[in-house]
């Protein structure tokens, strides 16, 4: 499991450098904030851990501008796509379970270009 997470982080880092080399945050940083959510989103834990929820709350706090929301949304979409065992209902419920609802529903198929301000 750790090897998969490290591989995802490396890929996210490379994608971010290729797409936008200068940002206030990058996809690897975003992925690190939710790495501890893996047991919940794949169904091996019934509740997200405190560390997971702390990361989700940090992400919510980072969403200051519409562009921030879009970038974080795209990073989460990439991260979600990297987990083949991801439970759609679990990842969609994650922000609410952590008390940090996001302005979008996390999924492998979310459209980050249609976010409202």
C-alpha atoms as a PDB file:
ATOM      1  CA  UNK A   1       0.000   0.000   0.000  1.00  0.00           C
ATOM      2  CA  UNK A   2       2.826   2.411   0.859  1.00  0.00           C
ATOM      3  CA  UNK A   3       4.482   1.696  -2.485  1.00  0.00           C
ATOM      4  CA  UNK A   4       1.246   2.610  -4.286  1.00  0.00           C
ATOM      5  CA  UNK A   5       0.949   5.852  -2.321  1.00  0.00           C
ATOM      6  CA  UNK A   6       4.582   6.790  -2.995  1.00  0.00           C
ATOM      7  CA  UNK A   7       4.113   6.008  -6.691  1.00  0.00           C
ATOM      8  CA  UNK A   8       1.008   8.207  -6.813  1.00  0.00           C
ATOM      9  CA  UNK A   9       2.893  11.065  -5.149  1.00  0.00           C
ATOM     10  CA  UNK A  10       5.772  10.792  -7.614  1.00  0.00           C
ATOM     11  CA  UNK A  11       3.383  10.814 -10.585  1.00  0.00           C
ATOM     12  CA  UNK A  12       1.461  13.770  -9.159  1.00  0.00           C
ATOM     13  CA  UNK A  13       4.708  15.680  -8.656  1.00  0.00           C
ATOM     14  CA  UNK A  14       5.778  15.042 -12.233  1.00  0.00           C
ATOM     15  CA  UNK A  15       2.369  16.032 -13.626  1.00  0.00           C
ATOM     16  CA  UNK A  16       2.370  19.232 -11.621  1.00  0.00           C
ATOM     17  CA  UNK A  17       5.875  20.223 -12.755  1.00  0.00           C
ATOM     18  CA  UNK A  18       4.992  19.586 -16.388  1.00  0.00           C
ATOM     19  CA  UNK A  19       1.653  21.404 -16.259  1.00  0.00           C
ATOM     20  CA  UNK A  20       2.417  24.373 -13.996  1.00  0.00           C
ATOM     21  CA  UNK A  21       5.889  24.625 -12.514  1.00  0.00           C
ATOM     22  CA  UNK A  22       5.179  27.666 -10.305  1.00  0.00           C
ATOM     23  CA  UNK A  23       2.172  27.423  -7.968  1.00  0.00           C
ATOM     24  CA  UNK A  24       1.430  28.230  -4.349  1.00  0.00           C
ATOM     25  CA  UNK A  25       0.880  24.485  -3.855  1.00  0.00           C
ATOM     26  CA  UNK A  26       1.262  21.374  -5.967  1.00  0.00           C
ATOM     27  CA  UNK A  27      -0.505  18.068  -6.406  1.00  0.00           C
ATOM     28  CA  UNK A  28       2.092  16.185  -4.364  1.00  0.00           C
ATOM     29  CA  UNK A  29       1.398  18.497  -1.419  1.00  0.00           C
ATOM     30  CA  UNK A  30      -2.350  18.021  -1.873  1.00  0.00           C
ATOM     31  CA  UNK A  31      -1.953  14.224  -2.058  1.00  0.00           C
ATOM     32  CA  UNK A  32       0.157  14.196   1.115  1.00  0.00           C
ATOM     33  CA  UNK A  33      -2.661  15.917   3.003  1.00  0.00           C
ATOM     34  CA  UNK A  34      -5.090  13.080   2.186  1.00  0.00           C
ATOM     35  CA  UNK A  35      -2.744  10.069   2.151  1.00  0.00           C
ATOM     36  CA  UNK A  36      -3.983   9.047   5.586  1.00  0.00           C
ATOM     37  CA  UNK A  37      -7.517   8.865   4.140  1.00  0.00           C
ATOM     38  CA  UNK A  38      -6.659   5.768   2.092  1.00  0.00           C
ATOM     39  CA  UNK A  39      -8.055   3.202   4.576  1.00  0.00           C
ATOM     40  CA  UNK A  40     -11.419   4.980   4.654  1.00  0.00           C
ATOM     41  CA  UNK A  41     -11.772   5.596   0.904  1.00  0.00           C
ATOM     42  CA  UNK A  42     -10.915   1.992  -0.002  1.00  0.00           C
ATOM     43  CA  UNK A  43     -13.307   0.630   2.603  1.00  0.00           C
ATOM     44  CA  UNK A  44     -10.934  -0.910   5.137  1.00  0.00           C
ATOM     45  CA  UNK A  45     -11.906   1.654   7.822  1.00  0.00           C
ATOM     46  CA  UNK A  46     -15.447   2.681   8.754  1.00  0.00           C
ATOM     47  CA  UNK A  47     -14.466   6.243   9.727  1.00  0.00           C
ATOM     48  CA  UNK A  48     -11.747   8.583   8.483  1.00  0.00           C
ATOM     49  CA  UNK A  49      -8.848   9.002  10.904  1.00  0.00           C
ATOM     50  CA  UNK A  50      -8.210  12.288  12.747  1.00  0.00           C
ATOM     51  CA  UNK A  51      -5.106  12.763  10.564  1.00  0.00           C
ATOM     52  CA  UNK A  52      -7.216  12.316   7.440  1.00  0.00           C
ATOM     53  CA  UNK A  53      -9.789  14.842   8.617  1.00  0.00           C
ATOM     54  CA  UNK A  54      -7.056  17.297   9.539  1.00  0.00           C
ATOM     55  CA  UNK A  55      -5.755  17.039   5.960  1.00  0.00           C
ATOM     56  CA  UNK A  56      -9.230  17.576   4.494  1.00  0.00           C
ATOM     57  CA  UNK A  57      -9.690  20.639   6.702  1.00  0.00           C
ATOM     58  CA  UNK A  58      -6.318  21.978   5.558  1.00  0.00           C
ATOM     59  CA  UNK A  59      -7.390  21.536   1.924  1.00  0.00           C
ATOM     60  CA  UNK A  60     -10.606  23.412   2.567  1.00  0.00           C
ATOM     61  CA  UNK A  61      -8.636  26.274   4.137  1.00  0.00           C
ATOM     62  CA  UNK A  62      -6.384  26.411   1.056  1.00  0.00           C
ATOM     63  CA  UNK A  63      -9.371  27.030  -1.242  1.00  0.00           C
ATOM     64  CA  UNK A  64      -9.299  30.819  -1.217  1.00  0.00           C
ATOM     65  CA  UNK A  65      -9.848  31.659  -4.887  1.00  0.00           C
ATOM     66  CA  UNK A  66     -11.799  29.975  -7.669  1.00  0.00           C
ATOM     67  CA  UNK A  67      -8.466  28.996  -9.220  1.00  0.00           C
ATOM     68  CA  UNK A  68      -7.354  27.414  -5.914  1.00  0.00           C
ATOM     69  CA  UNK A  69     -10.573  25.367  -5.873  1.00  0.00           C
ATOM     70  CA  UNK A  70     -10.052  24.280  -9.479  1.00  0.00           C
ATOM     71  CA  UNK A  71      -6.408  23.290  -8.920  1.00  0.00           C
ATOM     72  CA  UNK A  72      -7.157  21.339  -5.737  1.00  0.00           C
ATOM     73  CA  UNK A  73     -10.121  19.692  -7.458  1.00  0.00           C
ATOM     74  CA  UNK A  74      -7.892  18.573 -10.343  1.00  0.00           C
ATOM     75  CA  UNK A  75      -5.245  17.236  -7.940  1.00  0.00           C
ATOM     76  CA  UNK A  76      -7.863  15.273  -6.008  1.00  0.00           C
ATOM     77  CA  UNK A  77      -9.303  13.911  -9.255  1.00  0.00           C
ATOM     78  CA  UNK A  78      -5.851  12.654 -10.277  1.00  0.00           C
ATOM     79  CA  UNK A  79      -5.310  11.139  -6.833  1.00  0.00           C
ATOM     80  CA  UNK A  80      -8.752   9.478  -6.860  1.00  0.00           C
ATOM     81  CA  UNK A  81      -8.059   7.983 -10.286  1.00  0.00           C
ATOM     82  CA  UNK A  82      -4.873   6.396  -8.951  1.00  0.00           C
ATOM     83  CA  UNK A  83      -6.790   4.251  -6.433  1.00  0.00           C
ATOM     84  CA  UNK A  84      -8.410   1.334  -8.291  1.00  0.00           C
ATOM     85  CA  UNK A  85     -10.137   0.095  -5.103  1.00  0.00           C
ATOM     86  CA  UNK A  86     -11.597   3.488  -4.247  1.00  0.00           C
ATOM     87  CA  UNK A  87     -15.177   3.363  -2.984  1.00  0.00           C
ATOM     88  CA  UNK A  88     -17.096   6.180  -4.695  1.00  0.00           C
ATOM     89  CA  UNK A  89     -19.538   6.629  -1.818  1.00  0.00           C
ATOM     90  CA  UNK A  90     -16.720   6.814   0.741  1.00  0.00           C
ATOM     91  CA  UNK A  91     -14.724   9.453  -1.109  1.00  0.00           C
ATOM     92  CA  UNK A  92     -17.847  11.512  -1.782  1.00  0.00           C
ATOM     93  CA  UNK A  93     -18.768  11.362   1.927  1.00  0.00           C
ATOM     94  CA  UNK A  94     -15.265  12.112   3.193  1.00  0.00           C
ATOM     95  CA  UNK A  95     -15.467  15.934   3.492  1.00  0.00           C
ATOM     96  CA  UNK A  96     -18.795  15.836   5.344  1.00  0.00           C
ATOM     97  CA  UNK A  97     -17.594  13.051   7.665  1.00  0.00           C
ATOM     98  CA  UNK A  98     -14.628  15.276   8.514  1.00  0.00           C
ATOM     99  CA  UNK A  99     -16.808  18.328   9.126  1.00  0.00           C
ATOM    100  CA  UNK A 100     -15.236  20.159   6.203  1.00  0.00           C
ATOM    101  CA  UNK A 101     -17.647  20.153   3.238  1.00  0.00           C
ATOM    102  CA  UNK A 102     -15.943  21.142  -0.001  1.00  0.00           C
ATOM    103  CA  UNK A 103     -17.436  23.164  -2.867  1.00  0.00           C
ATOM    104  CA  UNK A 104     -17.416  20.004  -5.011  1.00  0.00           C
ATOM    105  CA  UNK A 105     -17.973  16.268  -4.621  1.00  0.00           C
ATOM    106  CA  UNK A 106     -14.755  14.289  -4.892  1.00  0.00           C
ATOM    107  CA  UNK A 107     -14.888  11.563  -7.531  1.00  0.00           C
ATOM    108  CA  UNK A 108     -12.830  10.062 -10.333  1.00  0.00           C
ATOM    109  CA  UNK A 109     -15.092  11.779 -12.875  1.00  0.00           C
ATOM    110  CA  UNK A 110     -15.643  15.236 -11.397  1.00  0.00           C
ATOM    111  CA  UNK A 111     -15.543  18.226 -13.737  1.00  0.00           C
ATOM    112  CA  UNK A 112     -13.284  20.775 -12.067  1.00  0.00           C
ATOM    113  CA  UNK A 113     -13.797  23.376 -14.801  1.00  0.00           C
ATOM    114  CA  UNK A 114     -17.405  24.059 -13.783  1.00  0.00           C
ATOM    115  CA  UNK A 115     -16.786  25.057 -10.169  1.00  0.00           C
ATOM    116  CA  UNK A 116     -18.684  28.051  -8.820  1.00  0.00           C
ATOM    117  CA  UNK A 117     -16.747  30.836  -7.086  1.00  0.00           C
END
